[in-house]
N, C-alpha and C. Protein backbone atom coordinates (compact mmCIF):
# COMPACT_ATOMS: atom_id res chain seq x y z
N MET A 1 -17.85 -7.98 0.07
CA MET A 1 -16.70 -7.51 0.54
C MET A 1 -16.08 -8.09 1.69
N SER A 2 -14.62 -8.11 1.79
CA SER A 2 -13.93 -8.90 2.92
C SER A 2 -13.87 -8.16 4.14
N SER A 3 -13.31 -8.73 5.24
CA SER A 3 -13.16 -8.15 6.49
C SER A 3 -11.97 -7.12 6.23
N LEU A 4 -11.04 -7.17 5.41
CA LEU A 4 -9.88 -6.40 5.11
C LEU A 4 -10.45 -4.82 4.70
N THR A 5 -11.82 -4.85 4.09
CA THR A 5 -12.13 -3.65 3.79
C THR A 5 -13.04 -3.02 4.92
N GLU A 6 -13.39 -3.72 5.89
CA GLU A 6 -14.17 -3.32 7.01
C GLU A 6 -13.27 -2.60 8.24
N HIS A 7 -12.04 -3.01 8.30
CA HIS A 7 -11.16 -2.39 9.31
C HIS A 7 -11.05 -1.01 9.47
N PRO A 8 -11.27 -0.25 10.52
CA PRO A 8 -11.37 1.20 10.53
C PRO A 8 -9.96 1.64 10.64
N ILE A 9 -9.54 2.82 9.70
CA ILE A 9 -8.40 3.40 9.86
C ILE A 9 -8.32 4.80 9.50
N ASN A 10 -7.58 5.49 10.04
CA ASN A 10 -7.72 7.13 9.66
C ASN A 10 -6.79 7.35 8.46
N ASP A 11 -7.08 8.39 7.66
CA ASP A 11 -6.16 8.59 6.73
C ASP A 11 -5.16 9.87 7.05
N LEU A 12 -4.20 10.22 6.39
CA LEU A 12 -3.10 10.93 6.85
C LEU A 12 -3.73 12.05 7.56
N HIS A 13 -4.52 12.60 7.33
CA HIS A 13 -5.18 13.82 7.88
C HIS A 13 -6.02 13.43 9.22
N GLY A 14 -5.96 12.14 9.65
CA GLY A 14 -6.84 11.84 10.82
C GLY A 14 -8.13 11.61 10.65
N ASN A 15 -8.74 11.56 9.46
CA ASN A 15 -10.09 11.44 9.15
C ASN A 15 -10.52 10.03 9.19
N PRO A 16 -11.50 9.40 9.84
CA PRO A 16 -11.78 8.16 9.91
C PRO A 16 -12.17 7.71 8.29
N THR A 17 -11.83 6.43 8.10
CA THR A 17 -11.97 5.74 6.76
C THR A 17 -11.93 4.38 6.87
N SER A 18 -11.85 3.57 5.67
CA SER A 18 -11.62 2.26 5.68
C SER A 18 -11.60 1.90 4.21
N LEU A 19 -10.83 0.72 3.91
CA LEU A 19 -10.66 0.13 2.58
C LEU A 19 -11.98 0.18 1.95
N GLY A 20 -12.99 0.16 2.66
CA GLY A 20 -14.17 0.12 1.99
C GLY A 20 -14.86 1.26 1.18
N ALA A 21 -14.09 2.33 1.47
CA ALA A 21 -14.35 3.56 0.75
C ALA A 21 -13.72 3.43 -0.72
N HIS A 22 -13.02 2.47 -0.95
CA HIS A 22 -12.55 2.22 -2.16
C HIS A 22 -13.05 1.03 -2.94
N ALA A 23 -14.27 0.49 -2.43
CA ALA A 23 -14.91 -0.61 -2.80
C ALA A 23 -14.99 -0.57 -4.23
N GLY A 24 -14.96 -1.67 -5.17
CA GLY A 24 -15.10 -1.97 -6.43
C GLY A 24 -13.79 -1.60 -7.20
N LYS A 25 -12.82 -1.21 -6.56
CA LYS A 25 -11.44 -0.96 -7.18
C LYS A 25 -10.44 -1.88 -6.76
N ALA A 26 -9.61 -2.14 -7.80
CA ALA A 26 -8.41 -3.05 -7.41
C ALA A 26 -7.45 -2.09 -6.73
N LEU A 27 -6.79 -2.74 -5.79
CA LEU A 27 -5.95 -1.82 -4.79
C LEU A 27 -4.43 -2.40 -4.81
N LEU A 28 -3.49 -1.59 -4.51
CA LEU A 28 -2.11 -1.88 -4.44
C LEU A 28 -1.70 -1.15 -2.86
N LEU A 29 -1.84 -2.07 -1.93
CA LEU A 29 -1.46 -1.68 -0.63
C LEU A 29 0.04 -1.67 -0.31
N VAL A 30 0.63 -0.42 0.14
CA VAL A 30 2.05 -0.59 0.07
C VAL A 30 2.53 0.35 1.37
N ASN A 31 3.30 -0.52 2.22
CA ASN A 31 3.75 0.10 3.53
C ASN A 31 5.04 1.09 2.86
N VAL A 32 5.03 2.47 3.29
CA VAL A 32 5.91 3.27 2.58
C VAL A 32 6.79 4.05 3.66
N ALA A 33 7.97 4.69 3.26
CA ALA A 33 8.88 5.30 4.15
C ALA A 33 9.59 6.40 3.28
N SER A 34 9.94 7.55 3.81
CA SER A 34 10.44 8.46 2.99
C SER A 34 11.89 8.62 3.10
N LYS A 35 12.64 7.88 4.00
CA LYS A 35 14.03 8.05 4.17
C LYS A 35 14.55 6.51 3.91
N CYS A 36 14.05 5.76 2.83
CA CYS A 36 14.67 4.61 2.65
C CYS A 36 15.40 4.44 1.29
N GLY A 37 16.16 3.56 1.18
CA GLY A 37 16.71 3.37 -0.09
C GLY A 37 15.76 2.92 -1.22
N LEU A 38 14.44 2.41 -0.92
CA LEU A 38 13.46 2.10 -1.96
C LEU A 38 12.43 3.15 -2.08
N THR A 39 12.80 4.34 -1.56
CA THR A 39 11.73 5.56 -1.28
C THR A 39 11.66 6.10 -2.94
N PRO A 40 12.55 5.82 -3.99
CA PRO A 40 12.23 6.33 -5.04
C PRO A 40 11.04 5.40 -5.83
N GLN A 41 10.92 4.36 -5.14
CA GLN A 41 9.56 3.45 -5.80
C GLN A 41 8.26 4.45 -5.76
N TYR A 42 8.08 5.63 -5.01
CA TYR A 42 7.11 6.33 -5.08
C TYR A 42 6.80 6.86 -6.43
N GLU A 43 8.00 7.10 -7.27
CA GLU A 43 7.80 7.53 -8.70
C GLU A 43 7.20 6.47 -9.45
N GLY A 44 7.19 5.30 -9.49
CA GLY A 44 6.79 4.23 -10.14
C GLY A 44 5.18 3.87 -9.51
N LEU A 45 5.11 4.10 -8.15
CA LEU A 45 3.76 3.91 -7.71
C LEU A 45 2.69 4.94 -8.24
N GLU A 46 3.20 6.32 -8.25
CA GLU A 46 2.53 7.31 -8.76
C GLU A 46 2.14 7.40 -10.33
N ARG A 47 3.01 6.77 -11.03
CA ARG A 47 2.77 6.41 -12.51
C ARG A 47 1.85 5.46 -12.65
N LEU A 48 1.76 4.36 -11.75
CA LEU A 48 0.72 3.36 -11.80
C LEU A 48 -0.69 4.12 -11.51
N GLN A 49 -0.72 4.81 -10.53
CA GLN A 49 -1.87 5.59 -9.98
C GLN A 49 -2.53 6.45 -11.27
N GLU A 50 -1.42 7.22 -11.86
CA GLU A 50 -1.87 7.90 -13.05
C GLU A 50 -2.24 7.13 -14.03
N ARG A 51 -1.76 5.85 -14.47
CA ARG A 51 -2.05 4.94 -15.67
C ARG A 51 -3.48 4.47 -15.43
N PHE A 52 -3.75 3.91 -14.20
CA PHE A 52 -4.92 3.21 -13.95
C PHE A 52 -6.01 3.54 -13.19
N ALA A 53 -5.79 4.74 -12.47
CA ALA A 53 -6.92 5.33 -11.63
C ALA A 53 -8.26 5.24 -12.27
N ASP A 54 -8.26 5.82 -13.71
CA ASP A 54 -9.58 5.77 -14.28
C ASP A 54 -10.13 4.65 -14.74
N LYS A 55 -9.61 3.32 -14.58
CA LYS A 55 -9.90 2.16 -14.94
C LYS A 55 -10.22 1.41 -13.57
N GLY A 56 -10.34 2.11 -12.46
CA GLY A 56 -10.97 1.29 -11.40
C GLY A 56 -9.84 0.89 -10.26
N PHE A 57 -8.62 1.57 -10.24
CA PHE A 57 -7.56 1.35 -9.61
C PHE A 57 -7.14 2.29 -8.52
N SER A 58 -6.37 2.02 -7.48
CA SER A 58 -5.83 2.94 -6.52
C SER A 58 -4.54 2.26 -5.86
N VAL A 59 -3.62 3.16 -5.70
CA VAL A 59 -2.45 2.79 -4.90
C VAL A 59 -2.92 3.30 -3.54
N ILE A 60 -2.61 2.81 -2.41
CA ILE A 60 -2.76 3.28 -1.02
C ILE A 60 -1.61 3.18 -0.35
N GLY A 61 -1.07 4.15 0.33
CA GLY A 61 0.14 4.20 1.06
C GLY A 61 -0.02 4.24 2.41
N PHE A 62 0.77 3.29 3.18
CA PHE A 62 0.62 3.13 4.52
C PHE A 62 1.96 3.43 5.07
N PRO A 63 2.32 4.74 5.57
CA PRO A 63 3.43 5.00 6.21
C PRO A 63 3.80 4.27 7.36
N CYS A 64 5.04 3.72 7.52
CA CYS A 64 5.41 3.02 8.54
C CYS A 64 6.86 3.27 9.11
N ASN A 65 7.08 3.49 10.24
CA ASN A 65 8.30 3.66 10.94
C ASN A 65 9.19 2.40 11.47
N GLN A 66 8.81 1.28 11.18
CA GLN A 66 9.25 0.10 11.84
C GLN A 66 10.60 -0.36 11.31
N PHE A 67 10.94 0.13 10.26
CA PHE A 67 12.12 -0.57 9.50
C PHE A 67 13.14 0.50 9.46
N GLY A 68 14.11 0.42 10.42
CA GLY A 68 15.41 1.43 10.55
C GLY A 68 14.73 2.69 10.78
N GLY A 69 13.70 3.04 11.27
CA GLY A 69 13.15 4.30 11.65
C GLY A 69 13.23 5.31 10.41
N GLN A 70 12.89 4.67 9.34
CA GLN A 70 13.06 5.39 8.01
C GLN A 70 11.69 6.21 7.74
N GLU A 71 10.62 6.33 8.51
CA GLU A 71 9.60 7.16 8.43
C GLU A 71 9.29 7.88 9.71
N PRO A 72 10.26 8.82 10.10
CA PRO A 72 10.07 9.45 11.36
C PRO A 72 9.06 10.66 11.34
N GLY A 73 8.70 11.18 10.18
CA GLY A 73 8.03 12.36 10.11
C GLY A 73 6.58 12.47 10.62
N THR A 74 6.13 13.58 10.70
CA THR A 74 4.67 13.87 11.12
C THR A 74 3.86 13.65 9.92
N ALA A 75 2.60 13.72 10.09
CA ALA A 75 1.67 13.43 9.10
C ALA A 75 1.89 14.70 7.95
N ASP A 76 1.92 15.85 8.60
CA ASP A 76 2.23 16.92 7.57
C ASP A 76 3.63 16.91 6.74
N GLU A 77 4.58 16.41 7.61
CA GLU A 77 6.02 16.20 6.97
C GLU A 77 5.78 15.08 5.83
N ILE A 78 5.24 14.02 6.02
CA ILE A 78 4.97 13.03 5.18
C ILE A 78 4.46 13.28 3.94
N GLU A 79 3.19 14.23 4.11
CA GLU A 79 2.40 14.85 2.97
C GLU A 79 3.13 15.52 2.13
N THR A 80 4.06 16.60 2.86
CA THR A 80 4.80 17.63 2.09
C THR A 80 5.88 17.00 1.42
N PHE A 81 6.44 15.87 1.91
CA PHE A 81 7.51 15.30 1.23
C PHE A 81 7.00 14.45 0.07
N CYS A 82 5.89 13.73 0.16
CA CYS A 82 5.38 12.89 -0.94
C CYS A 82 5.05 13.71 -2.07
N SER A 83 4.44 15.04 -1.71
CA SER A 83 3.60 15.80 -2.85
C SER A 83 4.78 16.53 -3.41
N THR A 84 5.82 17.12 -2.74
CA THR A 84 6.78 17.99 -3.34
C THR A 84 7.90 17.18 -4.05
N THR A 85 8.13 16.13 -3.64
CA THR A 85 9.42 15.28 -3.93
C THR A 85 8.87 14.35 -5.20
N TYR A 86 7.55 13.76 -5.14
CA TYR A 86 7.15 12.75 -5.96
C TYR A 86 6.09 12.92 -6.45
N GLY A 87 5.24 13.90 -6.14
CA GLY A 87 4.10 14.38 -6.76
C GLY A 87 2.80 13.58 -6.48
N VAL A 88 2.99 12.67 -5.49
CA VAL A 88 2.05 11.69 -4.94
C VAL A 88 0.50 12.20 -4.85
N THR A 89 -0.30 11.62 -5.51
CA THR A 89 -1.75 11.92 -5.43
C THR A 89 -2.55 10.88 -5.00
N PHE A 90 -1.86 9.73 -4.76
CA PHE A 90 -2.79 8.60 -4.26
C PHE A 90 -2.88 8.66 -2.75
N PRO A 91 -4.17 8.01 -2.33
CA PRO A 91 -4.36 8.18 -0.88
C PRO A 91 -3.13 7.71 0.16
N MET A 92 -3.02 8.32 1.06
CA MET A 92 -2.13 7.93 2.20
C MET A 92 -2.87 7.80 3.50
N MET A 93 -2.64 6.84 4.22
CA MET A 93 -3.40 6.53 5.48
C MET A 93 -2.45 7.03 6.56
N GLU A 94 -2.97 6.84 7.83
CA GLU A 94 -1.99 7.25 9.15
C GLU A 94 -0.92 6.42 9.14
N LYS A 95 0.18 6.75 9.92
CA LYS A 95 1.37 6.00 10.04
C LYS A 95 0.78 4.82 11.04
N ILE A 96 1.30 3.67 10.66
CA ILE A 96 0.72 2.51 11.25
C ILE A 96 2.03 1.47 11.40
N ASP A 97 2.04 0.54 12.26
CA ASP A 97 2.81 -0.61 12.44
C ASP A 97 2.20 -1.71 11.53
N VAL A 98 2.95 -2.45 10.85
CA VAL A 98 2.62 -3.57 9.90
C VAL A 98 3.07 -4.68 10.51
N ASN A 99 3.78 -4.79 11.46
CA ASN A 99 4.37 -6.21 12.10
C ASN A 99 4.22 -6.08 13.48
N GLY A 100 4.22 -7.25 14.27
CA GLY A 100 4.13 -7.15 15.86
C GLY A 100 2.79 -7.08 16.29
N PRO A 101 2.95 -7.05 17.68
CA PRO A 101 1.74 -7.00 18.47
C PRO A 101 0.82 -5.80 18.19
N ASP A 102 1.43 -4.48 17.80
CA ASP A 102 0.74 -3.47 17.49
C ASP A 102 0.38 -3.41 15.96
N ALA A 103 0.63 -4.28 15.12
CA ALA A 103 0.19 -4.18 13.80
C ALA A 103 -1.26 -3.91 13.46
N HIS A 104 -1.45 -2.79 12.62
CA HIS A 104 -2.83 -2.44 12.42
C HIS A 104 -3.60 -3.95 11.87
N PRO A 105 -4.86 -3.90 12.26
CA PRO A 105 -5.58 -5.09 11.61
C PRO A 105 -5.80 -5.36 10.23
N ILE A 106 -5.58 -4.35 9.42
CA ILE A 106 -5.26 -4.33 7.85
C ILE A 106 -4.20 -5.38 7.42
N TYR A 107 -3.15 -4.83 8.37
CA TYR A 107 -1.81 -5.71 7.93
C TYR A 107 -1.69 -7.02 8.64
N ALA A 108 -2.44 -7.14 9.92
CA ALA A 108 -2.28 -8.46 10.47
C ALA A 108 -2.99 -9.40 9.51
N GLU A 109 -4.29 -9.02 8.75
CA GLU A 109 -4.65 -9.90 7.87
C GLU A 109 -3.98 -9.91 6.57
N LEU A 110 -3.34 -8.87 6.20
CA LEU A 110 -2.56 -9.04 4.90
C LEU A 110 -1.52 -9.85 4.81
N THR A 111 -0.85 -9.82 5.96
CA THR A 111 0.43 -10.77 6.33
C THR A 111 0.05 -12.19 6.40
N ARG A 112 -0.93 -12.63 6.39
CA ARG A 112 -1.41 -14.07 6.34
C ARG A 112 -1.10 -14.57 4.92
N THR A 113 -1.11 -13.62 3.91
CA THR A 113 -1.06 -13.97 2.59
C THR A 113 0.45 -14.42 2.37
N ALA A 114 0.71 -15.47 1.51
CA ALA A 114 1.95 -15.88 1.10
C ALA A 114 2.46 -15.32 -0.14
N ASP A 115 3.73 -14.96 -0.26
CA ASP A 115 4.28 -14.42 -1.50
C ASP A 115 4.52 -15.66 -2.48
N ALA A 116 5.05 -15.17 -3.56
CA ALA A 116 5.20 -16.16 -4.78
C ALA A 116 6.18 -17.39 -4.42
N GLU A 117 6.93 -17.27 -3.32
CA GLU A 117 7.61 -18.42 -2.79
C GLU A 117 6.75 -19.24 -1.67
N GLY A 118 5.72 -18.99 -1.38
CA GLY A 118 4.81 -19.53 -0.50
C GLY A 118 5.04 -19.12 1.03
N GLU A 119 5.79 -18.03 1.20
CA GLU A 119 6.05 -17.52 2.54
C GLU A 119 5.11 -16.39 2.98
N ALA A 120 4.51 -16.58 4.04
CA ALA A 120 3.63 -15.64 4.74
C ALA A 120 4.24 -14.95 5.85
N GLY A 121 3.71 -14.25 6.81
CA GLY A 121 4.28 -13.74 7.87
C GLY A 121 4.62 -12.17 7.71
N ASP A 122 5.58 -11.89 8.68
CA ASP A 122 5.91 -10.42 8.59
C ASP A 122 6.14 -9.65 7.28
N VAL A 123 6.08 -8.44 7.08
CA VAL A 123 6.49 -7.75 6.07
C VAL A 123 7.87 -7.59 6.24
N GLN A 124 8.64 -7.76 5.16
CA GLN A 124 10.06 -7.74 5.20
C GLN A 124 10.81 -6.37 5.20
N TRP A 125 10.15 -5.34 4.57
CA TRP A 125 10.83 -3.98 4.80
C TRP A 125 9.88 -2.94 4.00
N ASN A 126 10.15 -1.86 3.98
CA ASN A 126 9.39 -0.82 3.38
C ASN A 126 9.11 -1.26 2.02
N PHE A 127 8.06 -0.70 1.36
CA PHE A 127 7.46 -0.88 0.11
C PHE A 127 7.18 -2.40 -0.35
N GLU A 128 6.73 -3.31 0.64
CA GLU A 128 6.08 -4.40 0.31
C GLU A 128 4.77 -4.05 -0.09
N LYS A 129 4.20 -4.84 -1.18
CA LYS A 129 2.93 -4.61 -1.89
C LYS A 129 1.93 -5.77 -1.90
N PHE A 130 0.69 -5.45 -1.67
CA PHE A 130 -0.51 -6.34 -1.78
C PHE A 130 -1.25 -5.92 -2.74
N LEU A 131 -1.57 -6.75 -3.75
CA LEU A 131 -2.68 -6.45 -4.67
C LEU A 131 -3.98 -6.98 -4.21
N VAL A 132 -4.93 -6.27 -4.20
CA VAL A 132 -6.23 -6.59 -3.67
C VAL A 132 -7.35 -6.39 -4.54
N SER A 133 -8.31 -7.42 -4.71
CA SER A 133 -9.28 -7.41 -5.99
C SER A 133 -10.50 -6.39 -5.68
N PRO A 134 -11.26 -5.85 -6.50
CA PRO A 134 -12.28 -5.05 -6.25
C PRO A 134 -13.26 -5.42 -5.17
N ILE A 135 -13.33 -6.90 -4.85
CA ILE A 135 -14.06 -7.30 -3.83
C ILE A 135 -13.34 -7.66 -2.51
N GLY A 136 -12.27 -7.01 -2.42
CA GLY A 136 -11.30 -7.23 -1.10
C GLY A 136 -10.61 -8.41 -0.86
N GLU A 137 -10.48 -9.16 -1.87
CA GLU A 137 -9.80 -10.22 -1.81
C GLU A 137 -8.14 -10.14 -2.04
N VAL A 138 -7.17 -10.51 -1.18
CA VAL A 138 -5.89 -10.47 -1.45
C VAL A 138 -5.36 -11.41 -2.83
N LEU A 139 -5.01 -10.73 -3.64
CA LEU A 139 -4.57 -11.55 -4.79
C LEU A 139 -3.04 -11.79 -5.07
N GLN A 140 -2.18 -11.07 -4.51
CA GLN A 140 -0.95 -11.55 -4.62
C GLN A 140 -0.04 -10.45 -3.63
N ARG A 141 1.23 -11.03 -3.12
CA ARG A 141 1.97 -10.19 -2.28
C ARG A 141 3.12 -10.13 -3.05
N ILE A 142 3.70 -8.73 -2.87
CA ILE A 142 4.92 -8.67 -3.79
C ILE A 142 5.88 -8.21 -2.82
N ARG A 143 7.00 -8.67 -2.67
CA ARG A 143 7.95 -8.40 -1.80
C ARG A 143 8.75 -6.73 -2.23
N PRO A 144 9.43 -6.20 -1.36
CA PRO A 144 9.86 -5.04 -1.49
C PRO A 144 10.81 -4.59 -2.62
N ARG A 145 11.57 -5.36 -2.93
CA ARG A 145 12.44 -4.99 -4.04
C ARG A 145 11.98 -5.08 -5.36
N THR A 146 10.65 -5.43 -5.54
CA THR A 146 9.99 -5.64 -6.95
C THR A 146 9.57 -4.05 -7.19
N GLU A 147 10.07 -3.68 -8.39
CA GLU A 147 9.61 -2.29 -8.66
C GLU A 147 8.07 -2.29 -9.02
N PRO A 148 7.33 -1.15 -8.76
CA PRO A 148 6.13 -1.06 -9.02
C PRO A 148 5.72 -1.29 -10.50
N GLU A 149 6.68 -0.62 -11.43
CA GLU A 149 6.25 -0.84 -12.79
C GLU A 149 6.81 -2.45 -13.59
N ASP A 150 7.24 -3.33 -12.60
CA ASP A 150 7.56 -4.65 -13.04
C ASP A 150 6.50 -5.11 -13.90
N PRO A 151 6.98 -5.57 -15.11
CA PRO A 151 5.96 -6.28 -15.98
C PRO A 151 4.88 -7.09 -15.37
N ALA A 152 5.42 -8.21 -14.76
CA ALA A 152 4.46 -9.12 -14.03
C ALA A 152 3.50 -8.33 -13.07
N LEU A 153 3.81 -7.29 -12.35
CA LEU A 153 2.92 -6.67 -11.56
C LEU A 153 1.94 -5.97 -12.41
N ILE A 154 2.39 -5.24 -13.41
CA ILE A 154 1.42 -4.41 -14.27
C ILE A 154 0.44 -5.56 -14.95
N ALA A 155 0.82 -6.66 -15.30
CA ALA A 155 -0.07 -7.71 -15.96
C ALA A 155 -1.19 -8.03 -14.76
N ALA A 156 -0.50 -8.23 -13.48
CA ALA A 156 -1.43 -8.56 -12.28
C ALA A 156 -2.53 -7.52 -12.06
N ILE A 157 -2.12 -6.43 -12.05
CA ILE A 157 -3.06 -5.14 -11.87
C ILE A 157 -4.12 -5.03 -13.05
N GLU A 158 -3.51 -5.26 -14.31
CA GLU A 158 -4.51 -5.30 -15.42
C GLU A 158 -5.68 -6.28 -15.30
N ALA A 159 -5.14 -7.62 -14.87
CA ALA A 159 -6.04 -8.77 -14.63
C ALA A 159 -7.08 -8.29 -13.53
N ALA A 160 -6.54 -7.71 -12.55
CA ALA A 160 -7.32 -7.43 -11.50
C ALA A 160 -8.53 -6.26 -11.40
N LEU A 161 -8.28 -5.39 -12.62
CA LEU A 161 -9.03 -4.34 -12.81
C LEU A 161 -10.60 -4.82 -12.85
N PRO A 162 -11.54 -4.06 -12.51
CA PRO A 162 -12.92 -4.32 -12.40
C PRO A 162 -13.35 -4.44 -13.93
N ALA A 163 -14.36 -5.32 -14.35
CA ALA A 163 -14.77 -5.61 -15.68
C ALA A 163 -15.46 -4.18 -16.06
């Protein structure tokens, strides 16, 4: 497993965990927000979760309020919004920073990965996605405007699923 899976983080309820709790699964890590123009991507993310969960896959959401203050809610408000509005069943972590000096170590590591154009660095906006292999290797960085059910992303998820 990579160091990515070893960084401690709390889930949305404040319980200590790490990505290592999902060892052996392909993961799609996504910084999310409830009041963003891209928030409807929750629908596609949940459909990916439902489609691939039994094949060794999980979406993991990381609420973040760094982009236009679009995730102002408390953990309870975020959970209620996600479950009642979008039926989210995938794991959600605590609200974190994904950029800057207070970026969570998971994102400090993720943002070293370049996108398809070869650009690494800061997360651009809410709903940026990182596909991670079952052994914790970052396979792909997908920018925010790419829909969760984009055919190229689905193909990449299928290729990343454990054998």
